[in-house]
């Protein structure tokens, strides 16, 4: 899981609230983290692998939006590997981890491992948050025809730059001037928590607004494309809206427990005695949400692939052959077999297979295709209706 409490655990003089959750069934908690992260990792990779019975199509270079989706999955995979490694060490070498609590210990490796693993997990998941925000921005810019593959360089600079800057700044403020003196007051911890949760809260607040504006812009584009708003165009608009909804739903499910848990722990920190009977229910709620975090945080990778691509099946094609990256298709040719991941195929209501001739219409089609993605049944249904357009 990803929580700033794991960085504060590296402080020998950690606060009572952090001590409460860290010491609560640590073997069970680490086992839950390993199990959830392993399942998510395997299923995420399974989702991304090419499948048997799906013929590769000739596709143009990937768009910035499809590249961002792939990078989000990569961040989740690497973050999950960090969770598995850290939890495995905690389970396998309890004596090694116990040395973290020694204030004047001479062995620096336990603290180094603690800080390094916590920073790795925080950095990767924070980068995933920034990439998700970039995806919302890019979706809106694509519809406005203000984005393209060239903007991916700017997204890289913003995402990795901000993720590294906030992570290093938060850790430096937390551990200043040394590990033995961190957590002596909230002035050390609060900046660290702010830098950790800032990108998460940004996605929760900004992405729904950007997605809503994008859906409105898509409806205007579809109406203006032919001057009418057909059933197929309504269906495509609904598919895009549902895709955005599923992305936000997964994000809220996976990270709302973190916000609840942190609120409860901060409340406990403000109390003179967190072990008092009046706070029993608060402590129980904090411990329950702590375990829930261990389950849901690592599962984000797999759940996001379901939101992005739908279920792609079990039949993996291990015969590697040279092919173009199957993350999108903006081809205006006749639709063939679906390749992974399953695209939503945009079909014109006019039963005419003539290609759109004007540059403006082609740009509109490409902008819509970059946003549309749904399930396989929807793809097949729309593909059979008309072969004029096929989006990713």
Protein backbone atom coordinates (compact mmCIF):
# COMPACT_ATOMS: atom_id res chain seq x y z
CA UNK A 1 0.00 0.00 0.00
CA UNK A 2 1.00 3.64 -0.33
CA UNK A 3 0.71 5.75 2.81
CA UNK A 4 2.87 8.52 4.30
CA UNK A 5 2.66 6.56 7.56
CA UNK A 6 5.24 4.18 6.12
CA UNK A 7 7.76 7.00 5.89
CA UNK A 8 7.01 8.12 9.45
CA UNK A 9 7.55 4.51 10.56
CA UNK A 10 11.21 4.98 9.63
CA UNK A 11 11.47 7.52 12.47
CA UNK A 12 12.56 5.77 15.72
CA UNK A 13 10.49 8.30 17.70
CA UNK A 14 7.35 7.84 15.60
CA UNK A 15 4.05 9.20 16.90
CA UNK A 16 1.54 7.06 18.81
CA UNK A 17 -0.99 6.91 15.95
CA UNK A 18 1.61 5.57 13.51
CA UNK A 19 2.77 3.08 16.12
CA UNK A 20 -0.83 1.94 16.55
CA UNK A 21 -1.40 0.96 12.92
CA UNK A 22 2.10 -0.35 12.22
CA UNK A 23 2.00 -2.70 15.23
CA UNK A 24 -1.49 -4.00 14.45
CA UNK A 25 -1.08 -7.57 13.18
CA UNK A 26 2.02 -6.75 11.06
CA UNK A 27 2.30 -10.31 9.69
CA UNK A 28 -1.33 -10.30 8.56
CA UNK A 29 -1.00 -6.82 7.12
CA UNK A 30 2.15 -7.66 5.14
CA UNK A 31 0.54 -10.86 3.90
CA UNK A 32 -2.52 -8.93 2.73
CA UNK A 33 -0.29 -6.42 0.91
CA UNK A 34 1.73 -9.18 -0.79
CA UNK A 35 -1.39 -11.08 -1.82
CA UNK A 36 -3.23 -8.06 -3.18
CA UNK A 37 -0.19 -6.65 -4.99
CA UNK A 38 0.69 -10.05 -6.50
CA UNK A 39 -2.82 -10.66 -7.80
CA UNK A 40 -3.04 -7.14 -9.21
CA UNK A 41 0.41 -7.45 -10.81
CA UNK A 42 -0.36 -10.75 -12.52
CA UNK A 43 -3.78 -9.67 -13.75
CA UNK A 44 -2.48 -6.31 -14.97
CA UNK A 45 0.25 -7.98 -17.02
CA UNK A 46 -2.32 -10.49 -18.30
CA UNK A 47 -4.52 -7.60 -19.40
CA UNK A 48 -1.68 -5.94 -21.28
CA UNK A 49 -0.37 -9.03 -23.08
CA UNK A 50 -1.57 -9.76 -26.65
CA UNK A 51 -4.27 -12.41 -26.91
CA UNK A 52 -4.70 -15.43 -29.17
CA UNK A 53 -7.19 -15.18 -31.98
CA UNK A 54 -6.74 -11.45 -32.37
CA UNK A 55 -5.04 -10.40 -35.55
CA UNK A 56 -2.81 -7.36 -35.40
CA UNK A 57 -3.92 -4.51 -37.57
CA UNK A 58 -1.88 -1.89 -39.32
CA UNK A 59 -2.09 1.06 -37.02
CA UNK A 60 -0.55 4.49 -36.97
CA UNK A 61 1.68 5.76 -34.23
CA UNK A 62 0.13 5.81 -30.78
CA UNK A 63 -1.50 8.99 -29.56
CA UNK A 64 -0.49 10.85 -26.43
CA UNK A 65 -3.65 9.63 -24.65
CA UNK A 66 -2.92 5.95 -25.28
CA UNK A 67 0.70 6.44 -24.24
CA UNK A 68 -0.45 8.01 -20.97
CA UNK A 69 -2.72 5.03 -20.25
CA UNK A 70 0.21 2.67 -20.74
CA UNK A 71 2.42 4.78 -18.46
CA UNK A 72 -0.24 4.73 -15.73
CA UNK A 73 -0.24 0.93 -15.87
CA UNK A 74 3.57 0.85 -15.75
CA UNK A 75 3.60 3.07 -12.66
CA UNK A 76 1.09 0.75 -10.97
CA UNK A 77 3.15 -2.32 -11.87
CA UNK A 78 6.39 -0.84 -10.52
CA UNK A 79 4.63 0.44 -7.41
CA UNK A 80 3.16 -3.02 -6.83
CA UNK A 81 6.61 -4.59 -7.14
CA UNK A 82 7.84 -2.17 -4.48
CA UNK A 83 4.99 -3.19 -2.16
CA UNK A 84 5.76 -6.89 -2.66
CA UNK A 85 9.49 -6.41 -2.02
CA UNK A 86 9.04 -4.26 1.08
CA UNK A 87 6.37 -6.51 2.63
CA UNK A 88 8.41 -9.63 1.88
CA UNK A 89 11.43 -8.21 3.71
CA UNK A 90 9.23 -7.24 6.65
CA UNK A 91 7.85 -10.77 6.85
CA UNK A 92 11.08 -12.62 6.18
CA UNK A 93 13.46 -10.57 8.34
CA UNK A 94 11.58 -9.27 11.39
CA UNK A 95 14.81 -8.75 13.30
CA UNK A 96 16.18 -6.57 10.52
CA UNK A 97 13.09 -4.35 10.60
CA UNK A 98 13.11 -4.20 14.40
CA UNK A 99 16.43 -2.34 14.25
CA UNK A 100 14.59 0.68 12.84
CA UNK A 101 13.22 1.35 16.31
CA UNK A 102 16.71 1.64 17.79
CA UNK A 103 17.36 5.36 18.23
CA UNK A 104 21.13 5.22 18.52
CA UNK A 105 21.73 2.09 16.46
CA UNK A 106 24.90 1.77 14.40
CA UNK A 107 23.35 -0.31 11.59
CA UNK A 108 22.11 2.13 8.94
CA UNK A 109 20.79 -0.49 6.52
CA UNK A 110 17.38 -1.01 8.18
CA UNK A 111 16.65 2.72 8.04
CA UNK A 112 18.03 2.94 4.51
CA UNK A 113 15.77 0.12 3.37
CA UNK A 114 12.79 1.65 5.15
CA UNK A 115 13.26 5.09 3.62
CA UNK A 116 14.24 3.80 0.18
CA UNK A 117 11.32 1.39 -0.21
CA UNK A 118 8.81 3.93 1.09
CA UNK A 119 10.12 6.60 -1.30
CA UNK A 120 9.99 4.18 -4.25
CA UNK A 121 6.35 3.33 -3.61
CA UNK A 122 5.33 6.93 -2.97
CA UNK A 123 7.16 8.20 -6.06
CA UNK A 124 5.59 5.64 -8.42
CA UNK A 125 2.05 6.10 -7.16
CA UNK A 126 2.42 9.89 -7.11
CA UNK A 127 3.64 9.74 -10.70
CA UNK A 128 0.57 7.65 -11.52
CA UNK A 129 -1.64 10.36 -10.02
CA UNK A 130 0.07 13.03 -12.14
CA UNK A 131 -0.26 10.90 -15.25
CA UNK A 132 -3.96 10.46 -14.55
CA UNK A 133 -4.31 14.22 -14.27
CA UNK A 134 -2.38 14.60 -17.55
CA UNK A 135 -4.80 12.14 -19.16
CA UNK A 136 -7.76 14.32 -18.19
CA UNK A 137 -5.97 17.41 -19.52
CA UNK A 138 -4.97 15.62 -22.71
CA UNK A 139 -8.51 14.34 -23.31
CA UNK A 140 -9.84 17.87 -23.15
CA UNK A 141 -7.06 19.24 -25.36
CA UNK A 142 -7.56 16.46 -27.92
CA UNK A 143 -11.20 17.41 -28.34
CA UNK A 144 -10.15 21.03 -28.65
CA UNK A 145 -7.53 19.91 -31.18
CA UNK A 146 -4.76 21.45 -29.11
CA UNK A 147 -2.87 18.26 -28.24
CA UNK A 148 -0.81 15.67 -30.01
CA UNK A 149 2.16 13.39 -29.62
CA UNK A 150 4.43 16.40 -29.19
CA UNK A 151 2.70 17.26 -25.91
CA UNK A 152 3.79 13.97 -24.34
CA UNK A 153 7.22 15.54 -23.74
CA UNK A 154 5.60 18.27 -21.66
CA UNK A 155 3.60 15.67 -19.75
CA UNK A 156 6.79 13.75 -18.95
CA UNK A 157 8.49 16.89 -17.68
CA UNK A 158 5.51 17.86 -15.54
CA UNK A 159 4.75 14.39 -14.19
CA UNK A 160 8.22 13.17 -13.28
CA UNK A 161 9.44 16.62 -12.30
CA UNK A 162 6.59 17.28 -9.89
CA UNK A 163 6.54 13.72 -8.55
CA UNK A 164 10.27 13.77 -7.77
CA UNK A 165 10.22 17.32 -6.41
CA UNK A 166 7.29 16.73 -4.05
CA UNK A 167 8.60 13.35 -2.90
CA UNK A 168 12.10 14.63 -2.15
CA UNK A 169 10.79 17.80 -0.54
CA UNK A 170 8.36 15.92 1.70
CA UNK A 171 10.96 13.36 2.77
CA UNK A 172 13.58 16.06 3.40
CA UNK A 173 11.21 18.06 5.59
CA UNK A 174 10.14 14.93 7.47
CA UNK A 175 13.66 13.68 8.22
CA UNK A 176 15.28 17.06 8.85
CA UNK A 177 17.82 17.27 10.41
CA UNK A 178 18.08 13.47 10.89
CA UNK A 179 16.00 10.32 11.26
CA UNK A 180 16.46 10.36 15.02
CA UNK A 181 14.81 13.79 15.33
CA UNK A 182 11.97 13.49 12.83
CA UNK A 183 8.38 13.36 14.05
CA UNK A 184 9.23 15.58 17.03
CA UNK A 185 6.29 17.73 16.05
CA UNK A 186 3.61 18.17 13.42
CA UNK A 187 5.77 20.80 11.71
CA UNK A 188 7.79 17.86 10.37
CA UNK A 189 4.88 15.63 9.42
CA UNK A 190 2.30 18.02 7.96
CA UNK A 191 4.42 19.19 4.97
CA UNK A 192 5.18 15.55 4.20
CA UNK A 193 1.49 14.61 4.21
CA UNK A 194 0.62 17.62 2.06
CA UNK A 195 3.19 16.73 -0.60
CA UNK A 196 1.98 13.12 -0.56
CA UNK A 197 -1.75 13.79 -0.87
CA UNK A 198 -1.61 16.91 -3.07
CA UNK A 199 -1.63 14.98 -6.41
CA UNK A 200 -4.30 12.59 -5.09
CA UNK A 201 -6.62 15.45 -4.14
CA UNK A 202 -5.87 17.18 -7.45
CA UNK A 203 -7.15 14.14 -9.35
CA UNK A 204 -10.24 13.90 -7.13
CA UNK A 205 -11.13 17.56 -7.70
CA UNK A 206 -9.83 18.48 -11.16
CA UNK A 207 -10.37 15.30 -13.18
CA UNK A 208 -14.18 15.18 -12.83
CA UNK A 209 -14.35 18.81 -13.99
CA UNK A 210 -12.11 18.16 -16.98
CA UNK A 211 -13.92 14.95 -17.88
CA UNK A 212 -17.29 16.74 -17.74
CA UNK A 213 -16.05 19.51 -20.02
CA UNK A 214 -14.60 16.92 -22.39
CA UNK A 215 -17.89 15.03 -22.63
CA UNK A 216 -19.72 18.29 -23.40
CA UNK A 217 -17.17 19.12 -26.09
CA UNK A 218 -17.50 15.62 -27.58
CA UNK A 219 -21.27 16.04 -27.87
CA UNK A 220 -20.77 19.32 -29.70
CA UNK A 221 -18.24 17.71 -32.07
CA UNK A 222 -20.53 14.80 -32.85
CA UNK A 223 -23.46 17.11 -33.57
CA UNK A 224 -21.38 19.34 -35.78
CA UNK A 225 -19.84 16.50 -37.74
CA UNK A 226 -22.93 15.70 -39.81
CA UNK A 227 -25.30 18.35 -38.55
CA UNK A 228 -27.39 15.66 -36.81
CA UNK A 229 -27.09 13.65 -33.62
CA UNK A 230 -27.79 10.03 -34.48
CA UNK A 231 -28.23 6.99 -32.25
CA UNK A 232 -24.69 5.80 -32.99
CA UNK A 233 -23.29 9.18 -32.02
CA UNK A 234 -25.29 9.12 -28.79
CA UNK A 235 -23.93 5.67 -28.12
CA UNK A 236 -20.36 6.82 -28.66
CA UNK A 237 -20.86 9.83 -26.39
CA UNK A 238 -22.26 7.53 -23.70
CA UNK A 239 -19.32 5.14 -24.07
CA UNK A 240 -16.84 7.98 -23.54
CA UNK A 241 -18.81 9.28 -20.56
CA UNK A 242 -18.96 5.80 -19.01
CA UNK A 243 -15.25 5.32 -19.55
CA UNK A 244 -14.46 8.51 -17.65
CA UNK A 245 -16.91 7.48 -14.93
CA UNK A 246 -15.26 4.06 -14.52
CA UNK A 247 -11.82 5.66 -14.24
CA UNK A 248 -12.96 7.98 -11.46
CA UNK A 249 -14.91 5.20 -9.75
CA UNK A 250 -11.80 3.00 -9.57
CA UNK A 251 -9.74 5.90 -8.25
CA UNK A 252 -12.26 6.74 -5.53
CA UNK A 253 -12.63 3.10 -4.49
CA UNK A 254 -8.87 2.54 -4.24
CA UNK A 255 -7.92 5.76 -2.41
CA UNK A 256 -10.88 6.98 -0.37
CA UNK A 257 -9.84 4.64 2.44
CA UNK A 258 -6.49 6.47 2.62
CA UNK A 259 -8.17 9.80 3.19
CA UNK A 260 -10.50 8.34 5.83
CA UNK A 261 -7.65 6.56 7.58
CA UNK A 262 -5.44 9.64 7.62
CA UNK A 263 -8.27 11.77 9.01
CA UNK A 264 -8.86 9.29 11.82
CA UNK A 265 -5.18 9.01 12.68
CA UNK A 266 -4.72 12.77 12.75
CA UNK A 267 -7.70 12.99 15.09
CA UNK A 268 -6.10 10.39 17.36
CA UNK A 269 -2.81 12.29 17.33
CA UNK A 270 -4.56 15.34 18.71
CA UNK A 271 -5.82 13.42 21.74
CA UNK A 272 -3.78 13.29 24.96
CA UNK A 273 -4.28 9.51 25.27
CA UNK A 274 -5.21 7.56 22.14
CA UNK A 275 -5.64 4.35 24.18
CA UNK A 276 -8.57 5.67 26.19
CA UNK A 277 -11.90 3.86 26.10
CA UNK A 278 -13.82 6.81 24.54
CA UNK A 279 -11.59 6.47 21.46
CA UNK A 280 -12.10 2.73 21.03
CA UNK A 281 -14.39 3.06 18.02
CA UNK A 282 -12.04 5.58 16.37
CA UNK A 283 -9.11 3.21 16.85
CA UNK A 284 -11.09 0.31 15.44
CA UNK A 285 -12.14 2.33 12.39
CA UNK A 286 -8.52 3.41 11.81
CA UNK A 287 -7.28 -0.17 11.99
CA UNK A 288 -10.01 -1.44 9.66
CA UNK A 289 -9.32 1.22 7.04
CA UNK A 290 -5.59 0.45 7.40
CA UNK A 291 -6.20 -3.16 6.33
CA UNK A 292 -8.56 -2.01 3.57
CA UNK A 293 -5.80 0.24 2.24
CA UNK A 294 -3.50 -2.78 2.05
CA UNK A 295 -6.05 -4.51 -0.18
CA UNK A 296 -7.29 -1.68 -2.40
CA UNK A 297 -4.17 0.41 -3.05
CA UNK A 298 -2.26 -2.33 -4.93
CA UNK A 299 -5.43 -3.40 -6.79
CA UNK A 300 -5.59 -0.05 -8.59
CA UNK A 301 -3.38 -1.34 -11.43
CA UNK A 302 -5.70 -4.18 -12.43
CA UNK A 303 -8.90 -2.20 -11.88
CA UNK A 304 -7.58 0.61 -14.06
CA UNK A 305 -6.92 -1.80 -16.92
CA UNK A 306 -10.55 -2.91 -16.65
CA UNK A 307 -11.65 0.73 -16.80
CA UNK A 308 -9.32 1.48 -19.71
CA UNK A 309 -9.73 -1.61 -21.88
CA UNK A 310 -12.38 -3.88 -20.39
CA UNK A 311 -11.66 -7.56 -19.75
CA UNK A 312 -9.33 -8.78 -22.53
CA UNK A 313 -9.51 -12.50 -21.80
CA UNK A 314 -7.22 -15.31 -20.64
CA UNK A 315 -5.82 -16.61 -23.92
CA UNK A 316 -2.36 -15.09 -24.07
CA UNK A 317 -0.39 -15.13 -27.32
CA UNK A 318 3.23 -15.87 -26.35
CA UNK A 319 4.46 -16.01 -29.94
CA UNK A 320 6.22 -12.69 -30.05
CA UNK A 321 6.43 -11.15 -33.45
CA UNK A 322 7.16 -7.73 -34.77
CA UNK A 323 4.05 -5.63 -34.70
CA UNK A 324 3.03 -2.10 -34.09
CA UNK A 325 2.00 -1.18 -30.57
CA UNK A 326 -1.70 -2.10 -30.31
CA UNK A 327 -2.82 0.69 -28.03
CA UNK A 328 -5.03 2.57 -30.43
CA UNK A 329 -6.33 2.74 -33.94
CA UNK A 330 -7.44 5.84 -35.74
CA UNK A 331 -7.79 4.08 -39.10
CA UNK A 332 -10.64 5.17 -41.33
CA UNK A 333 -10.53 1.91 -43.30
CA UNK A 334 -12.93 -1.03 -43.01
CA UNK A 335 -12.92 -2.55 -39.51
CA UNK A 336 -11.30 -5.96 -39.16
CA UNK A 337 -10.86 -8.19 -36.17
CA UNK A 338 -10.47 -6.48 -32.83
CA UNK A 339 -6.90 -6.27 -31.45
CA UNK A 340 -6.00 -5.63 -27.83
CA UNK A 341 -7.07 -3.47 -26.21
CA UNK A 342 -10.67 -3.56 -27.37
CA UNK A 343 -11.60 -0.26 -28.98
CA UNK A 344 -14.95 1.40 -29.39
CA UNK A 345 -15.67 1.64 -33.09
CA UNK A 346 -17.28 4.87 -34.15
CA UNK A 347 -19.81 4.18 -36.94
CA UNK A 348 -21.61 6.73 -39.07
CA UNK A 349 -25.37 6.51 -39.23
CA UNK A 350 -25.15 6.92 -43.00
CA UNK A 351 -24.90 3.52 -44.77
CA UNK A 352 -22.26 4.78 -47.13
CA UNK A 353 -18.71 3.45 -47.04
CA UNK A 354 -17.17 6.49 -48.74
CA UNK A 355 -14.25 8.00 -46.79
CA UNK A 356 -14.65 11.47 -45.26
CA UNK A 357 -12.91 13.82 -47.59
CA UNK A 358 -12.51 17.04 -45.67
CA UNK A 359 -9.55 17.57 -43.35
CA UNK A 360 -11.80 19.05 -40.66
CA UNK A 361 -13.95 15.92 -40.52
CA UNK A 362 -10.89 13.69 -40.36
CA UNK A 363 -9.46 15.71 -37.47
CA UNK A 364 -12.78 15.47 -35.67
CA UNK A 365 -12.84 11.69 -36.17
CA UNK A 366 -9.30 11.32 -34.88
CA UNK A 367 -10.04 13.46 -31.81
CA UNK A 368 -13.09 11.35 -30.96
CA UNK A 369 -11.27 8.08 -31.60
CA UNK A 370 -8.53 8.91 -29.10
CA UNK A 371 -11.11 9.15 -26.32
CA UNK A 372 -13.40 6.24 -27.11
CA UNK A 373 -12.88 2.84 -25.64
CA UNK A 374 -15.30 0.26 -24.31
CA UNK A 375 -16.10 -3.41 -24.19
CA UNK A 376 -15.76 -6.02 -26.89
CA UNK A 377 -19.49 -6.58 -27.40
CA UNK A 378 -19.99 -2.91 -28.02
CA UNK A 379 -17.10 -2.94 -30.48
CA UNK A 380 -18.55 -5.82 -32.48
CA UNK A 381 -22.03 -4.32 -32.48
CA UNK A 382 -20.82 -0.97 -33.73
CA UNK A 383 -18.38 -2.51 -36.22
CA UNK A 384 -21.15 -4.41 -37.98
CA UNK A 385 -23.35 -1.36 -38.31
CA UNK A 386 -21.05 0.58 -40.63
CA UNK A 387 -17.38 0.34 -41.64
CA UNK A 388 -16.71 4.04 -42.13
CA UNK A 389 -14.79 4.78 -38.97
CA UNK A 390 -12.87 2.84 -36.35
CA UNK A 391 -11.50 4.57 -33.24
CA UNK A 392 -9.26 3.28 -30.51
